[in-house]
Amino acid sequence: MRDIHVSEISDTVKNMCIDVNYELSEDMKRALTDAQEKEESELGKQIFSKLQENLKIAKEDQIPICQDTGMAVFFVEVGQEVHFVGGDITAAINEGVKNGYTEGYLRKSVVGDPLIRKNTGDNTPAVIHYSIVPGDKVKITCAPKGFGSENMSRVFMLKPADGEEGVKNAVVQAVKDAGPNACPPMVIGVGIGGTFEKCALLAKAALLRPVGESSEIEYVADMEKEILTRINETGIGPAGLGGKITALAVNINTYPTHIAGLPVAVNICCHVNRHITRIL
């Protein structure tokens, strides 16, 4: 059994919240550079140029890439041989979020009640997804989610008879409906299978896969390519002002499901697809 003091969790989370909001991951930077080269619209090229300039300024001046620094979402894999000491891990993660968003001068966007709408003042609580895995390590992934794109996400409870074509049509329709509101170019996370809530979690997790990596399942990888092509043929383009590149990637996760169902979730993310991972 390995002891980990929760203060180490808090310190790690604080730094992750700051770092992930100041600089995009390498896969996203490469994807934006590649997309800029492929874009044919003159206006689209100008928009990509401005996005690159924004990334450069954010990194050099250590300021947020986007004013919407998101609701903090965490995927935490806890080794079954880990023992947390010094307090509660959920409280420790939220302490890290509070400190990160305060010390990093990040916008506090969380309200304590969905209808009363009073801001909590420190961007807590975070949304935390735990899983127990073998080993004595803790893997923490932080993925702040802005709500311009989050609001455009969808869940479809399709019929099994809708099949693969029905899934493709649902994903493309979700992107068309989102249009410029999701701040394209987008990354599209898709979850297929499970239950109502499981497919949504699959879609969220799909956004964490490095852009450019296809599914290991052959037919799923083929679907990803076809859906991406269809999305980029919509002509929505960068910032929704027309062009060849509307999406940078379509990442699909699947899970077994019930004989009577075909749940599909589409979690759209803008071009600021933030994700960072640390292992303790």
Protein backbone atom coordinates (compact mmCIF):
# COMPACT_ATOMS: atom_id res chain seq x y z
CA MET A 1 0.00 0.00 0.00
CA ARG A 2 1.32 3.46 -0.96
CA ASP A 3 0.37 6.58 0.99
CA ILE A 4 -0.28 9.85 -0.87
CA HIS A 5 -0.99 12.99 1.12
CA VAL A 6 -3.94 14.89 -0.29
CA SER A 7 -1.94 18.13 -0.17
CA GLU A 8 0.08 16.71 -3.08
CA ILE A 9 -3.17 16.26 -4.98
CA SER A 10 -4.20 19.86 -4.28
CA ASP A 11 -0.85 21.30 -5.39
CA THR A 12 -0.84 19.22 -8.57
CA VAL A 13 -4.41 20.20 -9.45
CA LYS A 14 -3.69 23.89 -8.85
CA ASN A 15 -0.77 23.86 -11.29
CA MET A 16 -2.71 21.80 -13.83
CA CYS A 17 -5.59 24.29 -13.85
CA ILE A 18 -3.20 27.14 -14.58
CA ASP A 19 -1.03 25.35 -17.14
CA VAL A 20 -3.92 23.91 -19.15
CA ASN A 21 -5.53 27.34 -19.50
CA TYR A 22 -2.32 29.07 -20.59
CA GLU A 23 -1.08 26.66 -23.26
CA LEU A 24 -2.66 24.04 -25.52
CA SER A 25 -1.34 20.49 -25.67
CA GLU A 26 1.07 19.57 -28.46
CA ASP A 27 -1.53 17.53 -30.37
CA MET A 28 -3.87 20.53 -30.55
CA LYS A 29 -1.12 22.91 -31.62
CA ARG A 30 -0.12 20.52 -34.42
CA ALA A 31 -3.74 20.11 -35.48
CA LEU A 32 -4.27 23.86 -35.75
CA THR A 33 -1.07 24.29 -37.75
CA ASP A 34 -2.04 21.47 -40.14
CA ALA A 35 -5.55 22.89 -40.51
CA GLN A 36 -4.19 26.32 -41.31
CA GLU A 37 -2.17 24.83 -44.17
CA LYS A 38 -5.21 22.96 -45.52
CA GLU A 39 -7.68 25.83 -45.28
CA GLU A 40 -8.49 27.29 -48.71
CA SER A 41 -10.66 30.25 -47.75
CA GLU A 42 -8.75 33.53 -47.47
CA LEU A 43 -10.90 34.62 -44.55
CA GLY A 44 -10.43 31.21 -42.96
CA LYS A 45 -6.65 31.54 -43.29
CA GLN A 46 -6.81 34.93 -41.59
CA ILE A 47 -8.82 33.46 -38.72
CA PHE A 48 -6.29 30.66 -38.24
CA SER A 49 -3.53 33.27 -38.24
CA LYS A 50 -5.30 35.14 -35.45
CA LEU A 51 -5.80 31.91 -33.48
CA GLN A 52 -2.07 31.19 -33.73
CA GLU A 53 -1.25 34.72 -32.64
CA ASN A 54 -3.58 34.34 -29.67
CA LEU A 55 -1.87 31.09 -28.62
CA LYS A 56 1.54 32.77 -28.84
CA ILE A 57 0.48 35.73 -26.70
CA ALA A 58 -1.18 33.47 -24.11
CA LYS A 59 1.98 31.39 -23.72
CA GLU A 60 4.41 34.30 -23.65
CA ASP A 61 2.37 36.52 -21.33
CA GLN A 62 1.03 33.62 -19.22
CA ILE A 63 -2.59 34.57 -19.64
CA PRO A 64 -5.64 32.43 -20.53
CA ILE A 65 -6.01 31.27 -24.12
CA CYS A 66 -9.74 32.01 -23.88
CA GLN A 67 -11.72 34.21 -21.51
CA ASP A 68 -13.99 31.23 -20.81
CA THR A 69 -11.63 29.18 -18.65
CA GLY A 70 -14.33 26.56 -18.29
CA MET A 71 -15.86 24.38 -15.65
CA ALA A 72 -13.09 22.14 -14.33
CA VAL A 73 -13.63 18.51 -15.36
CA PHE A 74 -11.38 15.75 -14.02
CA PHE A 75 -10.87 12.10 -14.86
CA VAL A 76 -9.06 10.49 -11.92
CA GLU A 77 -7.70 6.94 -12.11
CA VAL A 78 -6.84 5.72 -8.62
CA GLY A 79 -4.62 2.70 -8.18
CA GLN A 80 -6.22 0.20 -5.82
CA GLU A 81 -3.00 0.07 -3.80
CA VAL A 82 -3.12 3.82 -3.03
CA HIS A 83 -4.12 5.11 0.39
CA PHE A 84 -4.93 8.82 0.67
CA VAL A 85 -3.90 10.48 3.93
CA GLY A 86 -4.50 13.92 5.38
CA GLY A 87 -8.07 14.39 4.24
CA ASP A 88 -10.65 13.76 1.54
CA ILE A 89 -9.53 13.50 -2.09
CA THR A 90 -12.59 15.26 -3.51
CA ALA A 91 -12.09 18.17 -1.13
CA ALA A 92 -8.39 18.22 -2.09
CA ILE A 93 -9.19 18.43 -5.81
CA ASN A 94 -11.63 21.26 -5.21
CA GLU A 95 -9.05 23.05 -3.07
CA GLY A 96 -6.62 22.79 -5.98
CA VAL A 97 -9.21 24.17 -8.39
CA LYS A 98 -9.97 27.07 -6.05
CA ASN A 99 -6.30 27.95 -5.69
CA GLY A 100 -5.52 27.48 -9.37
CA TYR A 101 -8.37 29.65 -10.59
CA THR A 102 -7.60 32.33 -7.99
CA GLU A 103 -3.81 32.45 -8.29
CA GLY A 104 -3.92 32.01 -12.07
CA TYR A 105 -6.41 34.87 -12.51
CA LEU A 106 -8.79 32.53 -14.31
CA ARG A 107 -12.45 33.40 -14.73
CA LYS A 108 -14.76 31.94 -12.11
CA SER A 109 -17.72 30.60 -14.05
CA VAL A 110 -19.49 28.20 -11.67
CA VAL A 111 -22.81 28.93 -9.97
CA GLY A 112 -23.73 26.99 -6.85
CA ASP A 113 -27.30 26.24 -7.90
CA PRO A 114 -28.44 25.85 -11.53
CA LEU A 115 -31.52 28.04 -10.99
CA ILE A 116 -30.58 30.46 -8.20
CA ARG A 117 -27.41 31.26 -10.20
CA LYS A 118 -25.19 32.68 -7.44
CA ASN A 119 -21.51 32.40 -8.39
CA THR A 120 -19.42 30.29 -6.01
CA GLY A 121 -16.53 32.73 -6.47
CA ASP A 122 -13.75 30.18 -6.96
CA ASN A 123 -14.89 27.94 -9.84
CA THR A 124 -15.73 25.04 -7.54
CA PRO A 125 -17.07 22.46 -7.37
CA ALA A 126 -15.32 20.59 -10.14
CA VAL A 127 -16.90 17.71 -12.05
CA ILE A 128 -14.90 14.63 -11.10
CA HIS A 129 -15.06 11.15 -12.63
CA TYR A 130 -13.27 8.48 -10.59
CA SER A 131 -12.21 5.01 -11.62
CA ILE A 132 -10.33 2.34 -9.66
CA VAL A 133 -7.47 0.69 -11.55
CA PRO A 134 -4.65 -1.74 -10.69
CA GLY A 135 -1.40 -0.36 -9.27
CA ASP A 136 -0.16 2.28 -6.84
CA LYS A 137 -0.33 5.43 -9.00
CA VAL A 138 -2.89 8.19 -9.38
CA LYS A 139 -3.49 9.51 -12.90
CA ILE A 140 -5.23 12.89 -13.03
CA THR A 141 -6.52 14.41 -16.25
CA CYS A 142 -7.86 17.95 -16.20
CA ALA A 143 -10.08 19.11 -19.07
CA PRO A 144 -11.73 22.50 -18.43
CA LYS A 145 -14.86 22.79 -20.58
CA GLY A 146 -16.11 26.09 -21.91
CA PHE A 147 -19.84 26.32 -22.37
CA GLY A 148 -20.07 27.92 -25.79
CA SER A 149 -19.39 24.47 -27.20
CA GLU A 150 -20.77 22.48 -24.26
CA ASN A 151 -24.20 24.03 -24.83
CA MET A 152 -24.18 22.68 -28.38
CA SER A 153 -23.71 19.05 -27.29
CA ARG A 154 -26.45 16.47 -27.75
CA VAL A 155 -27.67 13.03 -26.72
CA PHE A 156 -29.66 10.91 -29.19
CA MET A 157 -31.51 7.79 -28.07
CA LEU A 158 -31.55 6.07 -31.45
CA LYS A 159 -33.25 2.81 -32.34
CA PRO A 160 -31.02 -0.20 -33.10
CA ALA A 161 -32.48 -0.21 -36.63
CA ASP A 162 -31.00 3.25 -37.22
CA GLY A 163 -27.62 1.54 -37.35
CA GLU A 164 -24.31 3.04 -38.39
CA GLU A 165 -25.86 5.45 -40.88
CA GLY A 166 -28.19 6.79 -38.23
CA VAL A 167 -25.23 7.45 -35.93
CA LYS A 168 -23.33 9.30 -38.65
CA ASN A 169 -26.35 11.42 -39.52
CA ALA A 170 -26.94 12.31 -35.86
CA VAL A 171 -23.35 13.49 -35.36
CA VAL A 172 -23.32 15.58 -38.54
CA GLN A 173 -26.71 17.09 -37.67
CA ALA A 174 -25.48 18.05 -34.21
CA VAL A 175 -22.55 19.91 -35.75
CA LYS A 176 -24.76 21.62 -38.32
CA ASP A 177 -27.10 22.74 -35.55
CA ALA A 178 -24.15 24.08 -33.58
CA GLY A 179 -22.85 26.10 -36.51
CA PRO A 180 -20.73 29.07 -35.41
CA ASN A 181 -21.95 28.89 -31.79
CA ALA A 182 -19.37 26.24 -30.85
CA CYS A 183 -16.40 28.38 -32.01
CA PRO A 184 -15.10 26.21 -34.86
CA PRO A 185 -12.79 24.64 -35.78
CA MET A 186 -14.11 22.03 -33.38
CA VAL A 187 -13.10 18.69 -31.97
CA ILE A 188 -16.04 16.28 -31.84
CA GLY A 189 -16.22 13.66 -29.10
CA VAL A 190 -18.73 10.89 -29.74
CA GLY A 191 -19.95 8.17 -27.41
CA ILE A 192 -21.90 5.20 -28.75
CA GLY A 193 -23.50 2.55 -26.53
CA GLY A 194 -23.99 2.00 -22.84
CA THR A 195 -26.89 3.91 -21.33
CA PHE A 196 -28.13 7.52 -21.41
CA GLU A 197 -25.42 8.73 -19.03
CA LYS A 198 -22.68 6.33 -20.13
CA CYS A 199 -22.66 7.47 -23.75
CA ALA A 200 -22.29 11.09 -22.60
CA LEU A 201 -19.29 10.17 -20.47
CA LEU A 202 -17.78 8.25 -23.39
CA ALA A 203 -18.15 11.34 -25.57
CA LYS A 204 -16.51 13.58 -22.97
CA ALA A 205 -13.61 11.16 -22.59
CA ALA A 206 -13.22 10.98 -26.39
CA LEU A 207 -12.16 14.64 -26.39
CA LEU A 208 -9.07 13.62 -24.41
CA ARG A 209 -7.71 11.40 -27.16
CA PRO A 210 -4.85 13.16 -28.96
CA VAL A 211 -6.00 14.73 -32.20
CA GLY A 212 -4.69 12.63 -35.07
CA GLU A 213 -5.03 9.29 -33.29
CA SER A 214 -7.75 7.07 -34.75
CA SER A 215 -9.78 4.46 -32.91
CA GLU A 216 -8.12 1.08 -32.61
CA ILE A 217 -11.36 -0.50 -33.86
CA GLU A 218 -11.23 -0.56 -37.66
CA TYR A 219 -14.88 0.14 -38.43
CA VAL A 220 -14.94 2.93 -35.82
CA ALA A 221 -11.82 4.51 -37.33
CA ASP A 222 -13.56 4.42 -40.73
CA MET A 223 -16.60 6.13 -39.21
CA GLU A 224 -14.41 8.84 -37.70
CA LYS A 225 -12.88 9.61 -41.10
CA GLU A 226 -16.22 9.65 -42.91
CA ILE A 227 -17.96 11.84 -40.34
CA LEU A 228 -15.03 14.29 -40.32
CA THR A 229 -15.17 14.53 -44.10
CA ARG A 230 -18.93 15.14 -44.05
CA ILE A 231 -18.58 17.80 -41.35
CA ASN A 232 -15.88 19.63 -43.30
CA GLU A 233 -18.07 19.53 -46.39
CA THR A 234 -20.71 21.63 -44.58
CA GLY A 235 -18.70 24.77 -45.31
CA ILE A 236 -19.26 26.18 -41.80
CA GLY A 237 -15.54 26.87 -41.60
CA PRO A 238 -13.34 28.63 -39.03
CA ALA A 239 -15.40 30.88 -36.72
CA GLY A 240 -18.45 29.84 -38.74
CA LEU A 241 -17.52 32.29 -41.52
CA GLY A 242 -17.09 29.70 -44.26
CA GLY A 243 -14.21 27.50 -45.28
CA LYS A 244 -12.88 23.99 -45.63
CA ILE A 245 -12.00 23.25 -42.00
CA THR A 246 -14.97 23.08 -39.64
CA ALA A 247 -13.64 20.27 -37.44
CA LEU A 248 -10.13 19.15 -36.58
CA ALA A 249 -11.07 15.63 -35.50
CA VAL A 250 -13.88 13.24 -34.72
CA ASN A 251 -13.04 10.86 -31.87
CA ILE A 252 -15.45 8.00 -31.14
CA ASN A 253 -15.63 5.76 -28.07
CA THR A 254 -17.96 2.74 -27.92
CA TYR A 255 -19.36 0.53 -25.16
CA PRO A 256 -21.70 -2.50 -25.03
CA THR A 257 -25.39 -1.62 -24.85
CA HIS A 258 -28.87 -3.09 -24.39
CA ILE A 259 -30.55 -5.05 -27.20
CA ALA A 260 -33.28 -2.38 -27.40
CA GLY A 261 -31.06 0.71 -27.55
CA LEU A 262 -28.49 2.70 -29.49
CA PRO A 263 -27.52 5.71 -27.34
CA VAL A 264 -25.33 8.31 -29.05
CA ALA A 265 -23.79 11.39 -27.42
CA VAL A 266 -22.02 14.22 -29.22
CA ASN A 267 -19.79 16.38 -27.03
CA ILE A 268 -18.54 19.30 -29.08
CA CYS A 269 -15.43 21.24 -28.11
CA CYS A 270 -14.18 24.48 -29.62
CA HIS A 271 -10.64 24.93 -30.95
CA VAL A 272 -9.49 25.45 -27.33
CA ASN A 273 -9.69 21.73 -26.55
CA ARG A 274 -7.79 21.79 -23.27
CA HIS A 275 -6.47 18.65 -21.60
CA ILE A 276 -3.50 17.89 -19.38
CA THR A 277 -2.48 14.75 -17.48
CA ARG A 278 -0.26 14.20 -14.45
CA ILE A 279 0.68 10.93 -12.76
CA LEU A 280 1.52 10.77 -9.05
